[in-house]
Amino acid sequence: MTDDDLVLVRGSGNVFRDFDEPEADLDQARAVVAAAIIGVLDRRKLGVRAAGKATGIAASEFSRIRNGRLDRFTLDRLITILGALDRQLQVRVAVDFRPPALSALG
């Protein structure tokens, strides 16, 4: 492989958007909250069973979060789980213009 074979493409900051996922912003928000949950578990050295016992939330939910299987979680459920770990979510919202999809331009 030579340098001519490489192309640098800057991402949007949202990998789901970069791969044209239909609910990219929601998926990104869920991933950010899940990462915060995992961070708390790691700092406290809690496994999924210990986390379940400490919070009253099923260990299977912590297992799905740790494994990145977030499709069955709503954002509000993840926020509730974060709250059960004595953490509070702070949200900053920015609304930007989204250009129409290339396919819509004809």
PDB file of N, CA and C in Angstrom:
ATOM      1  N   MET A   1       0.854  -1.170   0.000  1.00  0.00           N
ATOM      2  CA  MET A   1       0.000   0.000   0.000  1.00  0.00           C
ATOM      3  C   MET A   1       0.898   1.231   0.000  1.00  0.00           C
ATOM      4  N   THR A   2       0.559   2.193  -0.799  1.00  0.00           N
ATOM      5  CA  THR A   2       1.308   3.448  -0.857  1.00  0.00           C
ATOM      6  C   THR A   2       0.465   4.567  -0.273  1.00  0.00           C
ATOM      7  N   ASP A   3       1.096   5.710  -0.071  1.00  0.00           N
ATOM      8  CA  ASP A   3       0.356   6.867   0.440  1.00  0.00           C
ATOM      9  C   ASP A   3      -0.759   7.280  -0.507  1.00  0.00           C
ATOM     10  N   ASP A   4      -0.594   6.991  -1.785  1.00  0.00           N
ATOM     11  CA  ASP A   4      -1.624   7.345  -2.766  1.00  0.00           C
ATOM     12  C   ASP A   4      -2.898   6.531  -2.574  1.00  0.00           C
ATOM     13  N   ASP A   5      -2.809   5.392  -1.877  1.00  0.00           N
ATOM     14  CA  ASP A   5      -3.966   4.533  -1.669  1.00  0.00           C
ATOM     15  C   ASP A   5      -4.841   5.000  -0.503  1.00  0.00           C
ATOM     16  N   LEU A   6      -4.346   5.925   0.295  1.00  0.00           N
ATOM     17  CA  LEU A   6      -5.063   6.352   1.489  1.00  0.00           C
ATOM     18  C   LEU A   6      -5.825   7.645   1.237  1.00  0.00           C
ATOM     19  N   VAL A   7      -7.036   7.671   1.754  1.00  0.00           N
ATOM     20  CA  VAL A   7      -7.855   8.877   1.673  1.00  0.00           C
ATOM     21  C   VAL A   7      -8.305   9.205   3.092  1.00  0.00           C
ATOM     22  N   LEU A   8      -8.064  10.413   3.528  1.00  0.00           N
ATOM     23  CA  LEU A   8      -8.490  10.858   4.843  1.00  0.00           C
ATOM     24  C   LEU A   8      -9.865  11.502   4.719  1.00  0.00           C
ATOM     25  N   VAL A   9     -10.815  10.971   5.474  1.00  0.00           N
ATOM     26  CA  VAL A   9     -12.171  11.507   5.463  1.00  0.00           C
ATOM     27  C   VAL A   9     -12.505  11.932   6.885  1.00  0.00           C
ATOM     28  N   ARG A  10     -12.872  13.178   7.052  1.00  0.00           N
ATOM     29  CA  ARG A  10     -13.241  13.662   8.384  1.00  0.00           C
ATOM     30  C   ARG A  10     -14.686  13.264   8.673  1.00  0.00           C
ATOM     31  N   GLY A  11     -14.889  12.728   9.864  1.00  0.00           N
ATOM     32  CA  GLY A  11     -16.227  12.341  10.273  1.00  0.00           C
ATOM     33  C   GLY A  11     -16.999  13.527  10.834  1.00  0.00           C
ATOM     34  N   SER A  12     -18.257  13.298  11.063  1.00  0.00           N
ATOM     35  CA  SER A  12     -19.140  14.346  11.577  1.00  0.00           C
ATOM     36  C   SER A  12     -19.067  14.464  13.096  1.00  0.00           C
ATOM     37  N   GLY A  13     -18.438  13.486  13.746  1.00  0.00           N
ATOM     38  CA  GLY A  13     -18.464  13.418  15.201  1.00  0.00           C
ATOM     39  C   GLY A  13     -19.536  12.459  15.687  1.00  0.00           C
ATOM     40  N   ASN A  14     -20.335  11.956  14.766  1.00  0.00           N
ATOM     41  CA  ASN A  14     -21.374  10.976  15.076  1.00  0.00           C
ATOM     42  C   ASN A  14     -21.211   9.832  14.085  1.00  0.00           C
ATOM     43  N   VAL A  15     -20.646   8.734  14.556  1.00  0.00           N
ATOM     44  CA  VAL A  15     -20.362   7.608  13.661  1.00  0.00           C
ATOM     45  C   VAL A  15     -21.637   7.056  13.033  1.00  0.00           C
ATOM     46  N   PHE A  16     -22.746   7.128  13.748  1.00  0.00           N
ATOM     47  CA  PHE A  16     -24.003   6.623  13.211  1.00  0.00           C
ATOM     48  C   PHE A  16     -24.459   7.472  12.023  1.00  0.00           C
ATOM     49  N   ARG A  17     -24.258   8.779  12.122  1.00  0.00           N
ATOM     50  CA  ARG A  17     -24.596   9.673  11.011  1.00  0.00           C
ATOM     51  C   ARG A  17     -23.664   9.413   9.830  1.00  0.00           C
ATOM     52  N   ASP A  18     -22.389   9.189  10.127  1.00  0.00           N
ATOM     53  CA  ASP A  18     -21.421   8.941   9.056  1.00  0.00           C
ATOM     54  C   ASP A  18     -21.772   7.690   8.253  1.00  0.00           C
ATOM     55  N   PHE A  19     -22.450   6.735   8.898  1.00  0.00           N
ATOM     56  CA  PHE A  19     -22.863   5.519   8.203  1.00  0.00           C
ATOM     57  C   PHE A  19     -24.335   5.553   7.806  1.00  0.00           C
ATOM     58  N   ASP A  20     -24.907   6.750   7.763  1.00  0.00           N
ATOM     59  CA  ASP A  20     -26.281   6.972   7.289  1.00  0.00           C
ATOM     60  C   ASP A  20     -27.333   6.151   8.028  1.00  0.00           C
ATOM     61  N   GLU A  21     -27.142   5.976   9.336  1.00  0.00           N
ATOM     62  CA  GLU A  21     -28.160   5.285  10.129  1.00  0.00           C
ATOM     63  C   GLU A  21     -29.394   6.185  10.229  1.00  0.00           C
ATOM     64  N   PRO A  22     -30.598   5.616  10.139  1.00  0.00           N
ATOM     65  CA  PRO A  22     -31.807   6.442  10.115  1.00  0.00           C
ATOM     66  C   PRO A  22     -32.062   7.214  11.414  1.00  0.00           C
ATOM     67  N   GLU A  23     -31.675   6.678  12.561  1.00  0.00           N
ATOM     68  CA  GLU A  23     -31.875   7.360  13.844  1.00  0.00           C
ATOM     69  C   GLU A  23     -30.523   7.693  14.466  1.00  0.00           C
ATOM     70  N   ALA A  24     -29.653   8.291  13.678  1.00  0.00           N
ATOM     71  CA  ALA A  24     -28.265   8.520  14.074  1.00  0.00           C
ATOM     72  C   ALA A  24     -28.140   9.330  15.366  1.00  0.00           C
ATOM     73  N   ASP A  25     -28.908  10.385  15.496  1.00  0.00           N
ATOM     74  CA  ASP A  25     -28.777  11.234  16.682  1.00  0.00           C
ATOM     75  C   ASP A  25     -29.236  10.505  17.939  1.00  0.00           C
ATOM     76  N   LEU A  26     -30.317   9.751  17.838  1.00  0.00           N
ATOM     77  CA  LEU A  26     -30.795   8.969  18.973  1.00  0.00           C
ATOM     78  C   LEU A  26     -29.789   7.872  19.327  1.00  0.00           C
ATOM     79  N   ASP A  27     -29.259   7.191  18.324  1.00  0.00           N
ATOM     80  CA  ASP A  27     -28.257   6.153  18.571  1.00  0.00           C
ATOM     81  C   ASP A  27     -27.021   6.732  19.250  1.00  0.00           C
ATOM     82  N   GLN A  28     -26.607   7.914  18.818  1.00  0.00           N
ATOM     83  CA  GLN A  28     -25.447   8.578  19.425  1.00  0.00           C
ATOM     84  C   GLN A  28     -25.736   8.920  20.885  1.00  0.00           C
ATOM     85  N   ALA A  29     -26.912   9.450  21.161  1.00  0.00           N
ATOM     86  CA  ALA A  29     -27.273   9.806  22.534  1.00  0.00           C
ATOM     87  C   ALA A  29     -27.289   8.568  23.426  1.00  0.00           C
ATOM     88  N   ARG A  30     -27.859   7.475  22.922  1.00  0.00           N
ATOM     89  CA  ARG A  30     -27.868   6.232  23.706  1.00  0.00           C
ATOM     90  C   ARG A  30     -26.453   5.748  23.973  1.00  0.00           C
ATOM     91  N   ALA A  31     -25.585   5.829  22.973  1.00  0.00           N
ATOM     92  CA  ALA A  31     -24.203   5.380  23.131  1.00  0.00           C
ATOM     93  C   ALA A  31     -23.461   6.229  24.165  1.00  0.00           C
ATOM     94  N   VAL A  32     -23.705   7.521  24.170  1.00  0.00           N
ATOM     95  CA  VAL A  32     -23.041   8.409  25.133  1.00  0.00           C
ATOM     96  C   VAL A  32     -23.480   8.079  26.558  1.00  0.00           C
ATOM     97  N   VAL A  33     -24.788   7.883  26.766  1.00  0.00           N
ATOM     98  CA  VAL A  33     -25.282   7.557  28.104  1.00  0.00           C
ATOM     99  C   VAL A  33     -24.791   6.173  28.521  1.00  0.00           C
ATOM    100  N   ALA A  34     -24.800   5.211  27.608  1.00  0.00           N
ATOM    101  CA  ALA A  34     -24.298   3.871  27.920  1.00  0.00           C
ATOM    102  C   ALA A  34     -22.824   3.925  28.306  1.00  0.00           C
ATOM    103  N   ALA A  35     -22.046   4.736  27.619  1.00  0.00           N
ATOM    104  CA  ALA A  35     -20.624   4.883  27.960  1.00  0.00           C
ATOM    105  C   ALA A  35     -20.464   5.459  29.365  1.00  0.00           C
ATOM    106  N   ALA A  36     -21.340   6.381  29.736  1.00  0.00           N
ATOM    107  CA  ALA A  36     -21.292   6.936  31.090  1.00  0.00           C
ATOM    108  C   ALA A  36     -21.610   5.861  32.125  1.00  0.00           C
ATOM    109  N   ILE A  37     -22.597   5.019  31.830  1.00  0.00           N
ATOM    110  CA  ILE A  37     -22.948   3.915  32.730  1.00  0.00           C
ATOM    111  C   ILE A  37     -21.760   2.974  32.883  1.00  0.00           C
ATOM    112  N   ILE A  38     -21.155   2.598  31.779  1.00  0.00           N
ATOM    113  CA  ILE A  38     -20.001   1.697  31.815  1.00  0.00           C
ATOM    114  C   ILE A  38     -18.854   2.333  32.600  1.00  0.00           C
ATOM    115  N   GLY A  39     -18.660   3.627  32.423  1.00  0.00           N
ATOM    116  CA  GLY A  39     -17.620   4.331  33.173  1.00  0.00           C
ATOM    117  C   GLY A  39     -17.843   4.255  34.675  1.00  0.00           C
ATOM    118  N   VAL A  40     -19.086   4.427  35.113  1.00  0.00           N
ATOM    119  CA  VAL A  40     -19.408   4.328  36.541  1.00  0.00           C
ATOM    120  C   VAL A  40     -19.137   2.913  37.032  1.00  0.00           C
ATOM    121  N   LEU A  41     -19.579   1.918  36.280  1.00  0.00           N
ATOM    122  CA  LEU A  41     -19.347   0.529  36.680  1.00  0.00           C
ATOM    123  C   LEU A  41     -17.857   0.240  36.794  1.00  0.00           C
ATOM    124  N   ASP A  42     -17.086   0.719  35.840  1.00  0.00           N
ATOM    125  CA  ASP A  42     -15.637   0.490  35.858  1.00  0.00           C
ATOM    126  C   ASP A  42     -14.977   1.175  37.052  1.00  0.00           C
ATOM    127  N   ARG A  43     -15.331   2.432  37.299  1.00  0.00           N
ATOM    128  CA  ARG A  43     -14.724   3.159  38.428  1.00  0.00           C
ATOM    129  C   ARG A  43     -15.054   2.503  39.759  1.00  0.00           C
ATOM    130  N   ARG A  44     -16.262   1.966  39.856  1.00  0.00           N
ATOM    131  CA  ARG A  44     -16.675   1.310  41.106  1.00  0.00           C
ATOM    132  C   ARG A  44     -16.293  -0.170  41.134  1.00  0.00           C
ATOM    133  N   LYS A  45     -15.699  -0.628  40.046  1.00  0.00           N
ATOM    134  CA  LYS A  45     -15.307  -2.042  39.922  1.00  0.00           C
ATOM    135  C   LYS A  45     -16.501  -2.972  40.166  1.00  0.00           C
ATOM    136  N   LEU A  46     -17.631  -2.627  39.522  1.00  0.00           N
ATOM    137  CA  LEU A  46     -18.858  -3.408  39.651  1.00  0.00           C
ATOM    138  C   LEU A  46     -19.054  -4.289  38.429  1.00  0.00           C
ATOM    139  N   GLY A  47     -19.267  -5.571  38.662  1.00  0.00           N
ATOM    140  CA  GLY A  47     -19.696  -6.455  37.597  1.00  0.00           C
ATOM    141  C   GLY A  47     -21.193  -6.293  37.409  1.00  0.00           C
ATOM    142  N   VAL A  48     -21.742  -6.980  36.439  1.00  0.00           N
ATOM    143  CA  VAL A  48     -23.171  -6.804  36.152  1.00  0.00           C
ATOM    144  C   VAL A  48     -24.049  -7.299  37.296  1.00  0.00           C
ATOM    145  N   ARG A  49     -23.656  -8.384  37.938  1.00  0.00           N
ATOM    146  CA  ARG A  49     -24.461  -8.888  39.065  1.00  0.00           C
ATOM    147  C   ARG A  49     -24.424  -7.930  40.248  1.00  0.00           C
ATOM    148  N   ALA A  50     -23.231  -7.433  40.562  1.00  0.00           N
ATOM    149  CA  ALA A  50     -23.101  -6.489  41.678  1.00  0.00           C
ATOM    150  C   ALA A  50     -23.864  -5.199  41.376  1.00  0.00           C
ATOM    151  N   ALA A  51     -23.818  -4.746  40.140  1.00  0.00           N
ATOM    152  CA  ALA A  51     -24.551  -3.540  39.754  1.00  0.00           C
ATOM    153  C   ALA A  51     -26.050  -3.770  39.896  1.00  0.00           C
ATOM    154  N   GLY A  52     -26.503  -4.937  39.478  1.00  0.00           N
ATOM    155  CA  GLY A  52     -27.913  -5.264  39.613  1.00  0.00           C
ATOM    156  C   GLY A  52     -28.355  -5.298  41.058  1.00  0.00           C
ATOM    157  N   LYS A  53     -27.528  -5.903  41.893  1.00  0.00           N
ATOM    158  CA  LYS A  53     -27.851  -5.988  43.316  1.00  0.00           C
ATOM    159  C   LYS A  53     -27.860  -4.601  43.964  1.00  0.00           C
ATOM    160  N   ALA A  54     -26.926  -3.754  43.583  1.00  0.00           N
ATOM    161  CA  ALA A  54     -26.817  -2.419  44.170  1.00  0.00           C
ATOM    162  C   ALA A  54     -27.953  -1.492  43.743  1.00  0.00           C
ATOM    163  N   THR A  55     -28.509  -1.715  42.550  1.00  0.00           N
ATOM    164  CA  THR A  55     -29.505  -0.785  42.004  1.00  0.00           C
ATOM    165  C   THR A  55     -30.918  -1.340  41.935  1.00  0.00           C
ATOM    166  N   GLY A  56     -31.048  -2.660  41.990  1.00  0.00           N
ATOM    167  CA  GLY A  56     -32.358  -3.267  41.804  1.00  0.00           C
ATOM    168  C   GLY A  56     -32.741  -3.420  40.341  1.00  0.00           C
ATOM    169  N   ILE A  57     -31.809  -3.107  39.461  1.00  0.00           N
ATOM    170  CA  ILE A  57     -32.019  -3.250  38.016  1.00  0.00           C
ATOM    171  C   ILE A  57     -31.438  -4.592  37.598  1.00  0.00           C
ATOM    172  N   ALA A  58     -32.125  -5.291  36.708  1.00  0.00           N
ATOM    173  CA  ALA A  58     -31.695  -6.631  36.304  1.00  0.00           C
ATOM    174  C   ALA A  58     -30.258  -6.626  35.784  1.00  0.00           C
ATOM    175  N   ALA A  59     -29.493  -7.616  36.225  1.00  0.00           N
ATOM    176  CA  ALA A  59     -28.106  -7.764  35.766  1.00  0.00           C
ATOM    177  C   ALA A  59     -28.050  -7.911  34.252  1.00  0.00           C
ATOM    178  N   SER A  60     -29.084  -8.513  33.664  1.00  0.00           N
ATOM    179  CA  SER A  60     -29.095  -8.699  32.208  1.00  0.00           C
ATOM    180  C   SER A  60     -29.096  -7.359  31.473  1.00  0.00           C
ATOM    181  N   GLU A  61     -29.701  -6.334  32.076  1.00  0.00           N
ATOM    182  CA  GLU A  61     -29.685  -5.011  31.442  1.00  0.00           C
ATOM    183  C   GLU A  61     -28.276  -4.431  31.452  1.00  0.00           C
ATOM    184  N   PHE A  62     -27.574  -4.581  32.570  1.00  0.00           N
ATOM    185  CA  PHE A  62     -26.182  -4.114  32.623  1.00  0.00           C
ATOM    186  C   PHE A  62     -25.312  -4.903  31.651  1.00  0.00           C
ATOM    187  N   SER A  63     -25.598  -6.176  31.507  1.00  0.00           N
ATOM    188  CA  SER A  63     -24.843  -7.004  30.560  1.00  0.00           C
ATOM    189  C   SER A  63     -25.037  -6.507  29.134  1.00  0.00           C
ATOM    190  N   ARG A  64     -26.278  -6.208  28.759  1.00  0.00           N
ATOM    191  CA  ARG A  64     -26.536  -5.694  27.408  1.00  0.00           C
ATOM    192  C   ARG A  64     -25.835  -4.356  27.186  1.00  0.00           C
ATOM    193  N   ILE A  65     -25.844  -3.513  28.201  1.00  0.00           N
ATOM    194  CA  ILE A  65     -25.166  -2.215  28.078  1.00  0.00           C
ATOM    195  C   ILE A  65     -23.672  -2.429  27.904  1.00  0.00           C
ATOM    196  N   ARG A  66     -23.075  -3.263  28.736  1.00  0.00           N
ATOM    197  CA  ARG A  66     -21.627  -3.530  28.637  1.00  0.00           C
ATOM    198  C   ARG A  66     -21.246  -4.095  27.273  1.00  0.00           C
ATOM    199  N   ASN A  67     -22.137  -4.867  26.685  1.00  0.00           N
ATOM    200  CA  ASN A  67     -21.854  -5.487  25.389  1.00  0.00           C
ATOM    201  C   ASN A  67     -22.277  -4.619  24.204  1.00  0.00           C
ATOM    202  N   GLY A  68     -22.746  -3.412  24.482  1.00  0.00           N
ATOM    203  CA  GLY A  68     -23.104  -2.486  23.408  1.00  0.00           C
ATOM    204  C   GLY A  68     -24.378  -2.844  22.676  1.00  0.00           C
ATOM    205  N   ARG A  69     -25.198  -3.680  23.270  1.00  0.00           N
ATOM    206  CA  ARG A  69     -26.474  -4.044  22.643  1.00  0.00           C
ATOM    207  C   ARG A  69     -27.554  -3.097  23.171  1.00  0.00           C
ATOM    208  N   LEU A  70     -27.647  -1.959  22.541  1.00  0.00           N
ATOM    209  CA  LEU A  70     -28.492  -0.880  23.050  1.00  0.00           C
ATOM    210  C   LEU A  70     -29.822  -0.750  22.328  1.00  0.00           C
ATOM    211  N   ASP A  71     -30.062  -1.566  21.317  1.00  0.00           N
ATOM    212  CA  ASP A  71     -31.260  -1.408  20.486  1.00  0.00           C
ATOM    213  C   ASP A  71     -32.558  -1.585  21.265  1.00  0.00           C
ATOM    214  N   ARG A  72     -32.544  -2.316  22.368  1.00  0.00           N
ATOM    215  CA  ARG A  72     -33.767  -2.534  23.146  1.00  0.00           C
ATOM    216  C   ARG A  72     -33.973  -1.477  24.229  1.00  0.00           C
ATOM    217  N   PHE A  73     -33.047  -0.545  24.349  1.00  0.00           N
ATOM    218  CA  PHE A  73     -33.148   0.490  25.373  1.00  0.00           C
ATOM    219  C   PHE A  73     -33.683   1.784  24.783  1.00  0.00           C
ATOM    220  N   THR A  74     -34.592   2.396  25.518  1.00  0.00           N
ATOM    221  CA  THR A  74     -34.969   3.763  25.176  1.00  0.00           C
ATOM    222  C   THR A  74     -33.969   4.685  25.868  1.00  0.00           C
ATOM    223  N   LEU A  75     -33.863   5.885  25.383  1.00  0.00           N
ATOM    224  CA  LEU A  75     -32.949   6.840  25.998  1.00  0.00           C
ATOM    225  C   LEU A  75     -33.361   7.109  27.445  1.00  0.00           C
ATOM    226  N   ASP A  76     -34.663   7.226  27.693  1.00  0.00           N
ATOM    227  CA  ASP A  76     -35.089   7.495  29.064  1.00  0.00           C
ATOM    228  C   ASP A  76     -34.786   6.330  29.996  1.00  0.00           C
ATOM    229  N   ARG A  77     -34.816   5.097  29.500  1.00  0.00           N
ATOM    230  CA  ARG A  77     -34.452   3.945  30.340  1.00  0.00           C
ATOM    231  C   ARG A  77     -32.975   4.012  30.718  1.00  0.00           C
ATOM    232  N   LEU A  78     -32.122   4.348  29.767  1.00  0.00           N
ATOM    233  CA  LEU A  78     -30.693   4.470  30.061  1.00  0.00           C
ATOM    234  C   LEU A  78     -30.439   5.591  31.069  1.00  0.00           C
ATOM    235  N   ILE A  79     -31.175   6.688  30.949  1.00  0.00           N
ATOM    236  CA  ILE A  79     -31.027   7.792  31.902  1.00  0.00           C
ATOM    237  C   ILE A  79     -31.471   7.349  33.295  1.00  0.00           C
ATOM    238  N   THR A  80     -32.537   6.554  33.368  1.00  0.00           N
ATOM    239  CA  THR A  80     -33.005   6.017  34.645  1.00  0.00           C
ATOM    240  C   THR A  80     -31.944   5.125  35.276  1.00  0.00           C
ATOM    241  N   ILE A  81     -31.312   4.282  34.468  1.00  0.00           N
ATOM    242  CA  ILE A  81     -30.253   3.398  34.970  1.00  0.00           C
ATOM    243  C   ILE A  81     -29.075   4.228  35.475  1.00  0.00           C
ATOM    244  N   LEU A  82     -28.712   5.258  34.746  1.00  0.00           N
ATOM    245  CA  LEU A  82     -27.633   6.147  35.182  1.00  0.00           C
ATOM    246  C   LEU A  82     -27.994   6.790  36.524  1.00  0.00           C
ATOM    247  N   GLY A  83     -29.239   7.196  36.673  1.00  0.00           N
ATOM    248  CA  GLY A  83     -29.702   7.771  37.937  1.00  0.00           C
ATOM    249  C   GLY A  83     -29.642   6.784  39.085  1.00  0.00           C
ATOM    250  N   ALA A  84     -29.935   5.517  38.799  1.00  0.00           N
ATOM    251  CA  ALA A  84     -29.858   4.478  39.830  1.00  0.00           C
ATOM    252  C   ALA A  84     -28.426   4.275  40.313  1.00  0.00           C
ATOM    253  N   LEU A  85     -27.470   4.714  39.508  1.00  0.00           N
ATOM    254  CA  LEU A  85     -26.054   4.650  39.889  1.00  0.00           C
ATOM    255  C   LEU A  85     -25.598   5.968  40.522  1.00  0.00           C
ATOM    256  N   ASP A  86     -26.566   6.767  40.958  1.00  0.00           N
ATOM    257  CA  ASP A  86     -26.301   8.048  41.622  1.00  0.00           C
ATOM    258  C   ASP A  86     -25.579   9.043  40.727  1.00  0.00           C
ATOM    259  N   ARG A  87     -25.945   9.053  39.468  1.00  0.00           N
ATOM    260  CA  ARG A  87     -25.386  10.020  38.526  1.00  0.00           C
ATOM    261  C   ARG A  87     -26.535  10.795  37.893  1.00  0.00           C
ATOM    262  N   GLN A  88     -26.267  12.040  37.561  1.00  0.00           N
ATOM    263  CA  GLN A  88     -27.264  12.908  36.943  1.00  0.00           C
ATOM    264  C   GLN A  88     -26.773  13.297  35.562  1.00  0.00           C
ATOM    265  N   LEU A  89     -27.639  13.217  34.596  1.00  0.00           N
ATOM    266  CA  LEU A  89     -27.298  13.567  33.224  1.00  0.00           C
ATOM    267  C   LEU A  89     -27.500  15.059  33.012  1.00  0.00           C
ATOM    268  N   GLN A  90     -26.522  15.699  32.413  1.00  0.00           N
ATOM    269  CA  GLN A  90     -26.659  17.088  32.003  1.00  0.00           C
ATOM    270  C   GLN A  90     -26.676  17.105  30.485  1.00  0.00           C
ATOM    271  N   VAL A  91     -27.650  17.797  29.928  1.00  0.00           N
ATOM    272  CA  VAL A  91     -27.841  17.793  28.480  1.00  0.00           C
ATOM    273  C   VAL A  91     -27.624  19.197  27.931  1.00  0.00           C
ATOM    274  N   ARG A  92     -26.887  19.267  26.856  1.00  0.00           N
ATOM    275  CA  ARG A  92     -26.717  20.515  26.110  1.00  0.00           C
ATOM    276  C   ARG A  92     -27.265  20.246  24.715  1.00  0.00           C
ATOM    277  N   VAL A  93     -28.190  21.047  24.277  1.00  0.00           N
ATOM    278  CA  VAL A  93     -28.826  20.830  22.982  1.00  0.00           C
ATOM    279  C   VAL A  93     -28.379  21.914  22.009  1.00  0.00           C
ATOM    280  N   ALA A  94     -27.993  21.480  20.832  1.00  0.00           N
ATOM    281  CA  ALA A  94     -27.660  22.403  19.750  1.00  0.00           C
ATOM    282  C   ALA A  94     -28.426  21.953  18.518  1.00  0.00           C
ATOM    283  N   VAL A  95     -29.130  22.867  17.902  1.00  0.00           N
ATOM    284  CA  VAL A  95     -29.910  22.539  16.712  1.00  0.00           C
ATOM    285  C   VAL A  95     -29.191  23.132  15.510  1.00  0.00           C
ATOM    286  N   ASP A  96     -28.848  22.279  14.570  1.00  0.00           N
ATOM    287  CA  ASP A  96     -28.143  22.702  13.364  1.00  0.00           C
ATOM    288  C   ASP A  96     -28.974  22.394  12.134  1.00  0.00           C
ATOM    289  N   PHE A  97     -28.673  23.091  11.069  1.00  0.00           N
ATOM    290  CA  PHE A  97     -29.281  22.818   9.774  1.00  0.00           C
ATOM    291  C   PHE A  97     -28.762  21.483   9.265  1.00  0.00           C
ATOM    292  N   ARG A  98     -29.653  20.660   8.757  1.00  0.00           N
ATOM    293  CA  ARG A  98     -29.245  19.397   8.157  1.00  0.00           C
ATOM    294  C   ARG A  98     -29.540  19.479   6.669  1.00  0.00           C
ATOM    295  N   PRO A  99     -28.500  19.405   5.841  1.00  0.00           N
ATOM    296  CA  PRO A  99     -28.745  19.457   4.397  1.00  0.00           C
ATOM    297  C   PRO A  99     -29.538  18.230   3.957  1.00  0.00           C
ATOM    298  N   PRO A 100     -30.354  18.383   2.920  1.00  0.00           N
ATOM    299  CA  PRO A 100     -31.119  17.233   2.434  1.00  0.00           C
ATOM    300  C   PRO A 100     -30.180  16.133   1.952  1.00  0.00           C
ATOM    301  N   ALA A 101     -30.657  14.909   2.042  1.00  0.00           N
ATOM    302  CA  ALA A 101     -29.867  13.767   1.575  1.00  0.00           C
ATOM    303  C   ALA A 101     -29.597  13.908   0.085  1.00  0.00           C
ATOM    304  N   LEU A 102     -28.454  13.410  -0.333  1.00  0.00           N
ATOM    305  CA  LEU A 102     -28.086  13.511  -1.745  1.00  0.00           C
ATOM    306  C   LEU A 102     -29.116  12.853  -2.649  1.00  0.00           C
ATOM    307  N   SER A 103     -29.693  11.742  -2.193  1.00  0.00           N
ATOM    308  CA  SER A 103     -30.678  11.056  -3.027  1.00  0.00           C
ATOM    309  C   SER A 103     -31.936  11.901  -3.214  1.00  0.00           C
ATOM    310  N   ALA A 104     -32.236  12.772  -2.255  1.00  0.00           N
ATOM    311  CA  ALA A 104     -33.424  13.614  -2.365  1.00  0.00           C
ATOM    312  C   ALA A 104     -33.220  14.760  -3.350  1.00  0.00           C
ATOM    313  N   LEU A 105     -31.976  15.038  -3.688  1.00  0.00           N
ATOM    314  CA  LEU A 105     -31.694  16.131  -4.610  1.00  0.00           C
ATOM    315  C   LEU A 105     -31.934  15.751  -6.060  1.00  0.00           C
ATOM    316  N   GLY A 106     -32.077  14.462  -6.284  1.00  0.00           N
ATOM    317  CA  GLY A 106     -32.413  14.005  -7.618  1.00  0.00           C
ATOM    318  C   GLY A 106     -31.257  13.780  -8.460  1.00  0.00           C
TER     319      GLY A 106
END
